[in-house]
Amino acid sequence: MKETLIIAGFGGQGVLSMGKILAYSGVMQDYEVTWMPSYGPEMRGGTANVTVILSDKRISSPIAHEFDTAIVLNQQSMDKFESMVRPGGTLIYDTNGITRHPSRTDINI
């Protein structure tokens, strides 16, 4: 089992905290885990995202270019990461922060 997730939005929305909670949950279940945050220099309001990989086998790299699941909280994140969800993957989004809804038919929304 290997699950690759990205959570993305604005700083201050709890993006990194959500990723940390997922990572800690994986550790508590004895999974191999990576937690890789990325954020701009702004204190709040800048872009932020975190990649979390959970696996029952060793993880060779914390860097991912495709995701099984994406959780997006703003339009910038939708524009950037919708195309990076694997076919058959899942996209979860905040309807309050998104003006253009996802257009893909090969993923679960």
PDB file of N, CA and C in Angstrom:
ATOM      1  N   MET A   1       0.844  -1.173   0.000  1.00  0.00           N
ATOM      2  CA  MET A   1       0.000   0.000   0.000  1.00  0.00           C
ATOM      3  C   MET A   1       0.888   1.233   0.000  1.00  0.00           C
ATOM      4  N   LYS A   2       0.559   2.174  -0.880  1.00  0.00           N
ATOM      5  CA  LYS A   2       1.236   3.466  -0.894  1.00  0.00           C
ATOM      6  C   LYS A   2       0.204   4.510  -1.272  1.00  0.00           C
ATOM      7  N   GLU A   3       0.101   5.555  -0.477  1.00  0.00           N
ATOM      8  CA  GLU A   3      -0.841   6.650  -0.719  1.00  0.00           C
ATOM      9  C   GLU A   3      -0.055   7.952  -0.736  1.00  0.00           C
ATOM     10  N   THR A   4      -0.185   8.686  -1.827  1.00  0.00           N
ATOM     11  CA  THR A   4       0.493   9.969  -1.984  1.00  0.00           C
ATOM     12  C   THR A   4      -0.559  11.066  -2.000  1.00  0.00           C
ATOM     13  N   LEU A   5      -0.431  12.026  -1.074  1.00  0.00           N
ATOM     14  CA  LEU A   5      -1.424  13.091  -0.942  1.00  0.00           C
ATOM     15  C   LEU A   5      -0.763  14.451  -1.016  1.00  0.00           C
ATOM     16  N   ILE A   6      -1.532  15.430  -1.484  1.00  0.00           N
ATOM     17  CA  ILE A   6      -1.112  16.822  -1.377  1.00  0.00           C
ATOM     18  C   ILE A   6      -2.279  17.611  -0.806  1.00  0.00           C
ATOM     19  N   ILE A   7      -1.959  18.519   0.090  1.00  0.00           N
ATOM     20  CA  ILE A   7      -2.939  19.444   0.656  1.00  0.00           C
ATOM     21  C   ILE A   7      -2.416  20.831   0.326  1.00  0.00           C
ATOM     22  N   ALA A   8      -3.261  21.686  -0.260  1.00  0.00           N
ATOM     23  CA  ALA A   8      -2.779  22.985  -0.723  1.00  0.00           C
ATOM     24  C   ALA A   8      -3.820  24.073  -0.513  1.00  0.00           C
ATOM     25  N   GLY A   9      -3.333  25.268  -0.192  1.00  0.00           N
ATOM     26  CA  GLY A   9      -4.206  26.424   0.000  1.00  0.00           C
ATOM     27  C   GLY A   9      -3.374  27.634   0.356  1.00  0.00           C
ATOM     28  N   PHE A  10      -4.007  28.578   1.043  1.00  0.00           N
ATOM     29  CA  PHE A  10      -3.304  29.761   1.522  1.00  0.00           C
ATOM     30  C   PHE A  10      -2.710  29.485   2.895  1.00  0.00           C
ATOM     31  N   GLY A  11      -1.625  30.174   3.231  1.00  0.00           N
ATOM     32  CA  GLY A  11      -1.082  30.103   4.577  1.00  0.00           C
ATOM     33  C   GLY A  11      -2.130  30.561   5.581  1.00  0.00           C
ATOM     34  N   GLY A  12      -2.206  29.896   6.710  1.00  0.00           N
ATOM     35  CA  GLY A  12      -3.189  30.235   7.732  1.00  0.00           C
ATOM     36  C   GLY A  12      -4.450  29.400   7.654  1.00  0.00           C
ATOM     37  N   GLN A  13      -4.601  28.578   6.596  1.00  0.00           N
ATOM     38  CA  GLN A  13      -5.783  27.723   6.470  1.00  0.00           C
ATOM     39  C   GLN A  13      -5.595  26.367   7.142  1.00  0.00           C
ATOM     40  N   GLY A  14      -4.440  26.118   7.711  1.00  0.00           N
ATOM     41  CA  GLY A  14      -4.203  24.846   8.379  1.00  0.00           C
ATOM     42  C   GLY A  14      -3.674  23.758   7.473  1.00  0.00           C
ATOM     43  N   VAL A  15      -3.172  24.134   6.313  1.00  0.00           N
ATOM     44  CA  VAL A  15      -2.671  23.170   5.340  1.00  0.00           C
ATOM     45  C   VAL A  15      -1.557  22.310   5.935  1.00  0.00           C
ATOM     46  N   LEU A  16      -0.539  22.954   6.503  1.00  0.00           N
ATOM     47  CA  LEU A  16       0.589  22.202   7.057  1.00  0.00           C
ATOM     48  C   LEU A  16       0.159  21.384   8.266  1.00  0.00           C
ATOM     49  N   SER A  17      -0.755  21.924   9.063  1.00  0.00           N
ATOM     50  CA  SER A  17      -1.250  21.182  10.233  1.00  0.00           C
ATOM     51  C   SER A  17      -2.004  19.930   9.809  1.00  0.00           C
ATOM     52  N   MET A  18      -2.841  20.046   8.768  1.00  0.00           N
ATOM     53  CA  MET A  18      -3.557  18.861   8.276  1.00  0.00           C
ATOM     54  C   MET A  18      -2.576  17.794   7.813  1.00  0.00           C
ATOM     55  N   GLY A  19      -1.531  18.220   7.106  1.00  0.00           N
ATOM     56  CA  GLY A  19      -0.526  17.269   6.657  1.00  0.00           C
ATOM     57  C   GLY A  19       0.201  16.610   7.809  1.00  0.00           C
ATOM     58  N   LYS A  20       0.500  17.399   8.828  1.00  0.00           N
ATOM     59  CA  LYS A  20       1.196  16.862   9.998  1.00  0.00           C
ATOM     60  C   LYS A  20       0.319  15.842  10.728  1.00  0.00           C
ATOM     61  N   ILE A  21      -0.969  16.129  10.841  1.00  0.00           N
ATOM     62  CA  ILE A  21      -1.895  15.189  11.487  1.00  0.00           C
ATOM     63  C   ILE A  21      -1.950  13.880  10.709  1.00  0.00           C
ATOM     64  N   LEU A  22      -2.032  13.957   9.382  1.00  0.00           N
ATOM     65  CA  LEU A  22      -2.019  12.739   8.560  1.00  0.00           C
ATOM     66  C   LEU A  22      -0.721  11.963   8.746  1.00  0.00           C
ATOM     67  N   ALA A  23       0.402  12.679   8.751  1.00  0.00           N
ATOM     68  CA  ALA A  23       1.699  12.019   8.917  1.00  0.00           C
ATOM     69  C   ALA A  23       1.795  11.328  10.275  1.00  0.00           C
ATOM     70  N   TYR A  24       1.413  12.024  11.336  1.00  0.00           N
ATOM     71  CA  TYR A  24       1.443  11.418  12.670  1.00  0.00           C
ATOM     72  C   TYR A  24       0.520  10.207  12.751  1.00  0.00           C
ATOM     73  N   SER A  25      -0.634  10.294  12.110  1.00  0.00           N
ATOM     74  CA  SER A  25      -1.562   9.157  12.105  1.00  0.00           C
ATOM     75  C   SER A  25      -0.926   7.949  11.434  1.00  0.00           C
ATOM     76  N   GLY A  26      -0.214   8.191  10.331  1.00  0.00           N
ATOM     77  CA  GLY A  26       0.477   7.099   9.655  1.00  0.00           C
ATOM     78  C   GLY A  26       1.560   6.474  10.515  1.00  0.00           C
ATOM     79  N   VAL A  27       2.316   7.303  11.221  1.00  0.00           N
ATOM     80  CA  VAL A  27       3.354   6.798  12.125  1.00  0.00           C
ATOM     81  C   VAL A  27       2.722   5.934  13.211  1.00  0.00           C
ATOM     82  N   MET A  28       1.598   6.387  13.745  1.00  0.00           N
ATOM     83  CA  MET A  28       0.915   5.628  14.805  1.00  0.00           C
ATOM     84  C   MET A  28       0.411   4.271  14.302  1.00  0.00           C
ATOM     85  N   GLN A  29       0.198   4.152  12.983  1.00  0.00           N
ATOM     86  CA  GLN A  29      -0.244   2.889  12.389  1.00  0.00           C
ATOM     87  C   GLN A  29       0.933   2.081  11.828  1.00  0.00           C
ATOM     88  N   ASP A  30       2.154   2.488  12.178  1.00  0.00           N
ATOM     89  CA  ASP A  30       3.388   1.810  11.758  1.00  0.00           C
ATOM     90  C   ASP A  30       3.657   1.867  10.255  1.00  0.00           C
ATOM     91  N   TYR A  31       3.199   2.917   9.587  1.00  0.00           N
ATOM     92  CA  TYR A  31       3.532   3.123   8.182  1.00  0.00           C
ATOM     93  C   TYR A  31       4.835   3.914   8.064  1.00  0.00           C
ATOM     94  N   GLU A  32       5.502   3.750   6.936  1.00  0.00           N
ATOM     95  CA  GLU A  32       6.591   4.641   6.562  1.00  0.00           C
ATOM     96  C   GLU A  32       5.926   5.940   6.121  1.00  0.00           C
ATOM     97  N   VAL A  33       6.492   7.083   6.507  1.00  0.00           N
ATOM     98  CA  VAL A  33       5.833   8.366   6.255  1.00  0.00           C
ATOM     99  C   VAL A  33       6.850   9.419   5.823  1.00  0.00           C
ATOM    100  N   THR A  34       6.454  10.252   4.857  1.00  0.00           N
ATOM    101  CA  THR A  34       7.192  11.485   4.580  1.00  0.00           C
ATOM    102  C   THR A  34       6.212  12.644   4.689  1.00  0.00           C
ATOM    103  N   TRP A  35       6.714  13.783   5.134  1.00  0.00           N
ATOM    104  CA  TRP A  35       5.942  15.029   5.268  1.00  0.00           C
ATOM    105  C   TRP A  35       6.823  16.119   4.704  1.00  0.00           C
ATOM    106  N   MET A  36       6.422  16.701   3.567  1.00  0.00           N
ATOM    107  CA  MET A  36       7.279  17.680   2.900  1.00  0.00           C
ATOM    108  C   MET A  36       6.494  18.968   2.655  1.00  0.00           C
ATOM    109  N   PRO A  37       6.706  19.980   3.512  1.00  0.00           N
ATOM    110  CA  PRO A  37       5.980  21.242   3.359  1.00  0.00           C
ATOM    111  C   PRO A  37       6.635  22.170   2.338  1.00  0.00           C
ATOM    112  N   SER A  38       5.827  23.058   1.788  1.00  0.00           N
ATOM    113  CA  SER A  38       6.317  24.103   0.896  1.00  0.00           C
ATOM    114  C   SER A  38       5.442  25.326   1.107  1.00  0.00           C
ATOM    115  N   TYR A  39       6.063  26.468   1.340  1.00  0.00           N
ATOM    116  CA  TYR A  39       5.279  27.678   1.595  1.00  0.00           C
ATOM    117  C   TYR A  39       6.091  28.905   1.219  1.00  0.00           C
ATOM    118  N   GLY A  40       5.363  29.988   0.942  1.00  0.00           N
ATOM    119  CA  GLY A  40       6.000  31.247   0.580  1.00  0.00           C
ATOM    120  C   GLY A  40       6.496  31.980   1.811  1.00  0.00           C
ATOM    121  N   PRO A  41       7.137  33.122   1.621  1.00  0.00           N
ATOM    122  CA  PRO A  41       7.722  33.866   2.737  1.00  0.00           C
ATOM    123  C   PRO A  41       6.707  34.649   3.571  1.00  0.00           C
ATOM    124  N   GLU A  42       5.465  34.758   3.096  1.00  0.00           N
ATOM    125  CA  GLU A  42       4.465  35.532   3.819  1.00  0.00           C
ATOM    126  C   GLU A  42       4.084  34.837   5.122  1.00  0.00           C
ATOM    127  N   MET A  43       3.729  35.621   6.135  1.00  0.00           N
ATOM    128  CA  MET A  43       3.284  35.051   7.413  1.00  0.00           C
ATOM    129  C   MET A  43       1.921  34.383   7.250  1.00  0.00           C
ATOM    130  N   ARG A  44       1.008  35.059   6.576  1.00  0.00           N
ATOM    131  CA  ARG A  44      -0.323  34.522   6.284  1.00  0.00           C
ATOM    132  C   ARG A  44      -0.733  34.989   4.898  1.00  0.00           C
ATOM    133  N   GLY A  45      -1.528  34.196   4.244  1.00  0.00           N
ATOM    134  CA  GLY A  45      -2.058  34.602   2.956  1.00  0.00           C
ATOM    135  C   GLY A  45      -1.242  34.174   1.752  1.00  0.00           C
ATOM    136  N   GLY A  46      -0.004  33.740   1.958  1.00  0.00           N
ATOM    137  CA  GLY A  46       0.794  33.217   0.851  1.00  0.00           C
ATOM    138  C   GLY A  46       0.359  31.796   0.532  1.00  0.00           C
ATOM    139  N   THR A  47       0.892  31.238  -0.510  1.00  0.00           N
ATOM    140  CA  THR A  47       0.540  29.867  -0.854  1.00  0.00           C
ATOM    141  C   THR A  47       1.280  28.889   0.050  1.00  0.00           C
ATOM    142  N   ALA A  48       0.638  27.778   0.311  1.00  0.00           N
ATOM    143  CA  ALA A  48       1.244  26.724   1.133  1.00  0.00           C
ATOM    144  C   ALA A  48       0.739  25.382   0.631  1.00  0.00           C
ATOM    145  N   ASN A  49       1.609  24.389   0.654  1.00  0.00           N
ATOM    146  CA  ASN A  49       1.165  23.028   0.373  1.00  0.00           C
ATOM    147  C   ASN A  49       2.073  22.058   1.098  1.00  0.00           C
ATOM    148  N   VAL A  50       1.570  20.865   1.266  1.00  0.00           N
ATOM    149  CA  VAL A  50       2.347  19.817   1.915  1.00  0.00           C
ATOM    150  C   VAL A  50       2.059  18.498   1.205  1.00  0.00           C
ATOM    151  N   THR A  51       3.122  17.753   0.950  1.00  0.00           N
ATOM    152  CA  THR A  51       3.000  16.421   0.371  1.00  0.00           C
ATOM    153  C   THR A  51       3.228  15.403   1.478  1.00  0.00           C
ATOM    154  N   VAL A  52       2.318  14.453   1.585  1.00  0.00           N
ATOM    155  CA  VAL A  52       2.430  13.375   2.566  1.00  0.00           C
ATOM    156  C   VAL A  52       2.382  12.055   1.806  1.00  0.00           C
ATOM    157  N   ILE A  53       3.330  11.185   2.090  1.00  0.00           N
ATOM    158  CA  ILE A  53       3.336   9.847   1.512  1.00  0.00           C
ATOM    159  C   ILE A  53       3.264   8.855   2.658  1.00  0.00           C
ATOM    160  N   LEU A  54       2.329   7.926   2.566  1.00  0.00           N
ATOM    161  CA  LEU A  54       2.160   6.852   3.545  1.00  0.00           C
ATOM    162  C   LEU A  54       2.369   5.533   2.808  1.00  0.00           C
ATOM    163  N   SER A  55       3.184   4.649   3.366  1.00  0.00           N
ATOM    164  CA  SER A  55       3.461   3.390   2.686  1.00  0.00           C
ATOM    165  C   SER A  55       3.783   2.294   3.692  1.00  0.00           C
ATOM    166  N   ASP A  56       3.473   1.063   3.309  1.00  0.00           N
ATOM    167  CA  ASP A  56       3.865  -0.062   4.152  1.00  0.00           C
ATOM    168  C   ASP A  56       5.261  -0.565   3.778  1.00  0.00           C
ATOM    169  N   LYS A  57       5.863   0.054   2.764  1.00  0.00           N
ATOM    170  CA  LYS A  57       7.233  -0.265   2.359  1.00  0.00           C
ATOM    171  C   LYS A  57       8.081   1.003   2.449  1.00  0.00           C
ATOM    172  N   ARG A  58       9.366   0.853   2.345  1.00  0.00           N
ATOM    173  CA  ARG A  58      10.270   1.996   2.404  1.00  0.00           C
ATOM    174  C   ARG A  58       9.947   2.990   1.280  1.00  0.00           C
ATOM    175  N   ILE A  59       9.995   4.277   1.597  1.00  0.00           N
ATOM    176  CA  ILE A  59       9.727   5.339   0.629  1.00  0.00           C
ATOM    177  C   ILE A  59      11.071   5.827   0.097  1.00  0.00           C
ATOM    178  N   SER A  60      11.263   5.723  -1.206  1.00  0.00           N
ATOM    179  CA  SER A  60      12.571   6.060  -1.774  1.00  0.00           C
ATOM    180  C   SER A  60      12.789   7.564  -1.922  1.00  0.00           C
ATOM    181  N   SER A  61      11.708   8.343  -2.082  1.00  0.00           N
ATOM    182  CA  SER A  61      11.858   9.791  -2.245  1.00  0.00           C
ATOM    183  C   SER A  61      10.610  10.499  -1.721  1.00  0.00           C
ATOM    184  N   PRO A  62      10.779  11.631  -1.043  1.00  0.00           N
ATOM    185  CA  PRO A  62       9.615  12.382  -0.553  1.00  0.00           C
ATOM    186  C   PRO A  62       8.984  13.264  -1.632  1.00  0.00           C
ATOM    187  N   ILE A  63       9.587  13.292  -2.813  1.00  0.00           N
ATOM    188  CA  ILE A  63       9.101  14.149  -3.896  1.00  0.00           C
ATOM    189  C   ILE A  63       8.118  13.365  -4.754  1.00  0.00           C
ATOM    190  N   ALA A  64       6.961  13.972  -5.022  1.00  0.00           N
ATOM    191  CA  ALA A  64       5.938  13.328  -5.845  1.00  0.00           C
ATOM    192  C   ALA A  64       5.507  14.276  -6.954  1.00  0.00           C
ATOM    193  N   HIS A  65       5.220  13.713  -8.110  1.00  0.00           N
ATOM    194  CA  HIS A  65       4.748  14.502  -9.245  1.00  0.00           C
ATOM    195  C   HIS A  65       3.320  14.138  -9.619  1.00  0.00           C
ATOM    196  N   GLU A  66       2.793  13.074  -9.026  1.00  0.00           N
ATOM    197  CA  GLU A  66       1.402  12.648  -9.182  1.00  0.00           C
ATOM    198  C   GLU A  66       0.882  12.305  -7.803  1.00  0.00           C
ATOM    199  N   PHE A  67      -0.413  12.479  -7.610  1.00  0.00           N
ATOM    200  CA  PHE A  67      -0.998  12.258  -6.292  1.00  0.00           C
ATOM    201  C   PHE A  67      -2.220  11.360  -6.391  1.00  0.00           C
ATOM    202  N   ASP A  68      -2.380  10.490  -5.389  1.00  0.00           N
ATOM    203  CA  ASP A  68      -3.590   9.681  -5.288  1.00  0.00           C
ATOM    204  C   ASP A  68      -4.747  10.539  -4.808  1.00  0.00           C
ATOM    205  N   THR A  69      -4.440  11.489  -3.931  1.00  0.00           N
ATOM    206  CA  THR A  69      -5.453  12.372  -3.354  1.00  0.00           C
ATOM    207  C   THR A  69      -4.914  13.792  -3.301  1.00  0.00           C
ATOM    208  N   ALA A  70      -5.761  14.751  -3.676  1.00  0.00           N
ATOM    209  CA  ALA A  70      -5.426  16.170  -3.533  1.00  0.00           C
ATOM    210  C   ALA A  70      -6.559  16.842  -2.773  1.00  0.00           C
ATOM    211  N   ILE A  71      -6.197  17.622  -1.770  1.00  0.00           N
ATOM    212  CA  ILE A  71      -7.156  18.441  -1.029  1.00  0.00           C
ATOM    213  C   ILE A  71      -6.770  19.884  -1.315  1.00  0.00           C
ATOM    214  N   VAL A  72      -7.636  20.618  -2.013  1.00  0.00           N
ATOM    215  CA  VAL A  72      -7.305  21.987  -2.407  1.00  0.00           C
ATOM    216  C   VAL A  72      -8.306  22.963  -1.806  1.00  0.00           C
ATOM    217  N   LEU A  73      -7.786  24.076  -1.311  1.00  0.00           N
ATOM    218  CA  LEU A  73      -8.603  25.038  -0.576  1.00  0.00           C
ATOM    219  C   LEU A  73      -8.714  26.394  -1.262  1.00  0.00           C
ATOM    220  N   ASN A  74      -8.055  26.581  -2.399  1.00  0.00           N
ATOM    221  CA  ASN A  74      -8.183  27.850  -3.122  1.00  0.00           C
ATOM    222  C   ASN A  74      -8.001  27.612  -4.619  1.00  0.00           C
ATOM    223  N   GLN A  75      -8.347  28.627  -5.409  1.00  0.00           N
ATOM    224  CA  GLN A  75      -8.309  28.486  -6.866  1.00  0.00           C
ATOM    225  C   GLN A  75      -6.892  28.284  -7.391  1.00  0.00           C
ATOM    226  N   GLN A  76      -5.911  28.974  -6.818  1.00  0.00           N
ATOM    227  CA  GLN A  76      -4.525  28.796  -7.263  1.00  0.00           C
ATOM    228  C   GLN A  76      -4.096  27.341  -7.135  1.00  0.00           C
ATOM    229  N   SER A  77      -4.482  26.712  -6.043  1.00  0.00           N
ATOM    230  CA  SER A  77      -4.114  25.312  -5.820  1.00  0.00           C
ATOM    231  C   SER A  77      -4.857  24.395  -6.781  1.00  0.00           C
ATOM    232  N   MET A  78      -6.126  24.700  -7.060  1.00  0.00           N
ATOM    233  CA  MET A  78      -6.888  23.908  -8.028  1.00  0.00           C
ATOM    234  C   MET A  78      -6.207  23.978  -9.391  1.00  0.00           C
ATOM    235  N   ASP A  79      -5.854  25.188  -9.812  1.00  0.00           N
ATOM    236  CA  ASP A  79      -5.216  25.365 -11.117  1.00  0.00           C
ATOM    237  C   ASP A  79      -3.891  24.613 -11.209  1.00  0.00           C
ATOM    238  N   LYS A  80      -3.154  24.578 -10.124  1.00  0.00           N
ATOM    239  CA  LYS A  80      -1.832  23.948 -10.133  1.00  0.00           C
ATOM    240  C   LYS A  80      -1.885  22.427  -9.986  1.00  0.00           C
ATOM    241  N   PHE A  81      -2.775  21.914  -9.118  1.00  0.00           N
ATOM    242  CA  PHE A  81      -2.684  20.503  -8.745  1.00  0.00           C
ATOM    243  C   PHE A  81      -3.762  19.590  -9.323  1.00  0.00           C
ATOM    244  N   GLU A  82      -4.831  20.126  -9.912  1.00  0.00           N
ATOM    245  CA  GLU A  82      -5.874  19.249 -10.472  1.00  0.00           C
ATOM    246  C   GLU A  82      -5.289  18.279 -11.493  1.00  0.00           C
ATOM    247  N   SER A  83      -4.423  18.761 -12.350  1.00  0.00           N
ATOM    248  CA  SER A  83      -3.849  17.913 -13.400  1.00  0.00           C
ATOM    249  C   SER A  83      -2.871  16.881 -12.854  1.00  0.00           C
ATOM    250  N   MET A  84      -2.456  17.033 -11.601  1.00  0.00           N
ATOM    251  CA  MET A  84      -1.466  16.127 -11.020  1.00  0.00           C
ATOM    252  C   MET A  84      -2.095  14.967 -10.243  1.00  0.00           C
ATOM    253  N   VAL A  85      -3.431  14.916 -10.196  1.00  0.00           N
ATOM    254  CA  VAL A  85      -4.117  13.788  -9.557  1.00  0.00           C
ATOM    255  C   VAL A  85      -4.135  12.635 -10.553  1.00  0.00           C
ATOM    256  N   ARG A  86      -3.717  11.462 -10.109  1.00  0.00           N
ATOM    257  CA  ARG A  86      -3.687  10.282 -10.976  1.00  0.00           C
ATOM    258  C   ARG A  86      -5.100   9.939 -11.451  1.00  0.00           C
ATOM    259  N   PRO A  87      -5.242   9.395 -12.658  1.00  0.00           N
ATOM    260  CA  PRO A  87      -6.554   8.888 -13.070  1.00  0.00           C
ATOM    261  C   PRO A  87      -7.048   7.871 -12.040  1.00  0.00           C
ATOM    262  N   GLY A  88      -8.294   8.005 -11.630  1.00  0.00           N
ATOM    263  CA  GLY A  88      -8.845   7.149 -10.585  1.00  0.00           C
ATOM    264  C   GLY A  88      -8.607   7.689  -9.193  1.00  0.00           C
ATOM    265  N   GLY A  89      -7.830   8.776  -9.078  1.00  0.00           N
ATOM    266  CA  GLY A  89      -7.543   9.393  -7.783  1.00  0.00           C
ATOM    267  C   GLY A  89      -8.714  10.223  -7.286  1.00  0.00           C
ATOM    268  N   THR A  90      -8.490  10.911  -6.176  1.00  0.00           N
ATOM    269  CA  THR A  90      -9.550  11.684  -5.528  1.00  0.00           C
ATOM    270  C   THR A  90      -9.132  13.136  -5.378  1.00  0.00           C
ATOM    271  N   LEU A  91     -10.058  14.037  -5.700  1.00  0.00           N
ATOM    272  CA  LEU A  91      -9.857  15.468  -5.521  1.00  0.00           C
ATOM    273  C   LEU A  91     -10.936  15.980  -4.579  1.00  0.00           C
ATOM    274  N   ILE A  92     -10.505  16.540  -3.462  1.00  0.00           N
ATOM    275  CA  ILE A  92     -11.414  17.132  -2.479  1.00  0.00           C
ATOM    276  C   ILE A  92     -11.135  18.629  -2.492  1.00  0.00           C
ATOM    277  N   TYR A  93     -12.194  19.446  -2.593  1.00  0.00           N
ATOM    278  CA  TYR A  93     -11.951  20.887  -2.651  1.00  0.00           C
ATOM    279  C   TYR A  93     -12.992  21.663  -1.867  1.00  0.00           C
ATOM    280  N   ASP A  94     -12.585  22.865  -1.452  1.00  0.00           N
ATOM    281  CA  ASP A  94     -13.437  23.786  -0.702  1.00  0.00           C
ATOM    282  C   ASP A  94     -14.229  24.617  -1.701  1.00  0.00           C
ATOM    283  N   THR A  95     -15.534  24.423  -1.752  1.00  0.00           N
ATOM    284  CA  THR A  95     -16.351  25.142  -2.732  1.00  0.00           C
ATOM    285  C   THR A  95     -16.378  26.642  -2.471  1.00  0.00           C
ATOM    286  N   ASN A  96     -16.076  27.077  -1.256  1.00  0.00           N
ATOM    287  CA  ASN A  96     -16.051  28.512  -0.960  1.00  0.00           C
ATOM    288  C   ASN A  96     -14.827  29.205  -1.541  1.00  0.00           C
ATOM    289  N   GLY A  97     -13.750  28.485  -1.725  1.00  0.00           N
ATOM    290  CA  GLY A  97     -12.520  29.098  -2.211  1.00  0.00           C
ATOM    291  C   GLY A  97     -12.243  28.852  -3.681  1.00  0.00           C
ATOM    292  N   ILE A  98     -13.140  28.146  -4.354  1.00  0.00           N
ATOM    293  CA  ILE A  98     -12.914  27.754  -5.744  1.00  0.00           C
ATOM    294  C   ILE A  98     -13.958  28.415  -6.639  1.00  0.00           C
ATOM    295  N   THR A  99     -13.509  29.099  -7.675  1.00  0.00           N
ATOM    296  CA  THR A  99     -14.446  29.729  -8.615  1.00  0.00           C
ATOM    297  C   THR A  99     -14.634  28.888  -9.877  1.00  0.00           C
ATOM    298  N   ARG A 100     -13.606  28.135 -10.266  1.00  0.00           N
ATOM    299  CA  ARG A 100     -13.696  27.238 -11.424  1.00  0.00           C
ATOM    300  C   ARG A 100     -13.636  25.810 -10.902  1.00  0.00           C
ATOM    301  N   HIS A 101     -14.729  25.111 -11.037  1.00  0.00           N
ATOM    302  CA  HIS A 101     -14.801  23.750 -10.507  1.00  0.00           C
ATOM    303  C   HIS A 101     -14.008  22.789 -11.394  1.00  0.00           C
ATOM    304  N   PRO A 102     -13.617  21.640 -10.838  1.00  0.00           N
ATOM    305  CA  PRO A 102     -12.813  20.682 -11.604  1.00  0.00           C
ATOM    306  C   PRO A 102     -13.561  20.205 -12.849  1.00  0.00           C
ATOM    307  N   SER A 103     -12.801  19.944 -13.898  1.00  0.00           N
ATOM    308  CA  SER A 103     -13.406  19.537 -15.166  1.00  0.00           C
ATOM    309  C   SER A 103     -13.101  18.092 -15.534  1.00  0.00           C
ATOM    310  N   ARG A 104     -12.235  17.444 -14.793  1.00  0.00           N
ATOM    311  CA  ARG A 104     -11.824  16.084 -15.151  1.00  0.00           C
ATOM    312  C   ARG A 104     -12.921  15.072 -14.847  1.00  0.00           C
ATOM    313  N   THR A 105     -13.024  14.072 -15.703  1.00  0.00           N
ATOM    314  CA  THR A 105     -14.012  13.012 -15.499  1.00  0.00           C
ATOM    315  C   THR A 105     -13.352  11.690 -15.104  1.00  0.00           C
ATOM    316  N   ASP A 106     -12.019  11.660 -15.076  1.00  0.00           N
ATOM    317  CA  ASP A 106     -11.309  10.418 -14.763  1.00  0.00           C
ATOM    318  C   ASP A 106     -10.853  10.336 -13.304  1.00  0.00           C
ATOM    319  N   ILE A 107     -11.363  11.248 -12.457  1.00  0.00           N
ATOM    320  CA  ILE A 107     -11.027  11.228 -11.030  1.00  0.00           C
ATOM    321  C   ILE A 107     -12.302  11.316 -10.206  1.00  0.00           C
ATOM    322  N   ASN A 108     -12.206  10.929  -8.941  1.00  0.00           N
ATOM    323  CA  ASN A 108     -13.330  11.043  -8.012  1.00  0.00           C
ATOM    324  C   ASN A 108     -13.308  12.434  -7.399  1.00  0.00           C
ATOM    325  N   ILE A 109     -14.449  13.098  -7.429  1.00  0.00           N
ATOM    326  CA  ILE A 109     -14.528  14.459  -6.900  1.00  0.00           C
ATOM    327  C   ILE A 109     -15.530  14.482  -5.758  1.00  0.00           C
TER     328      ILE A 109
END
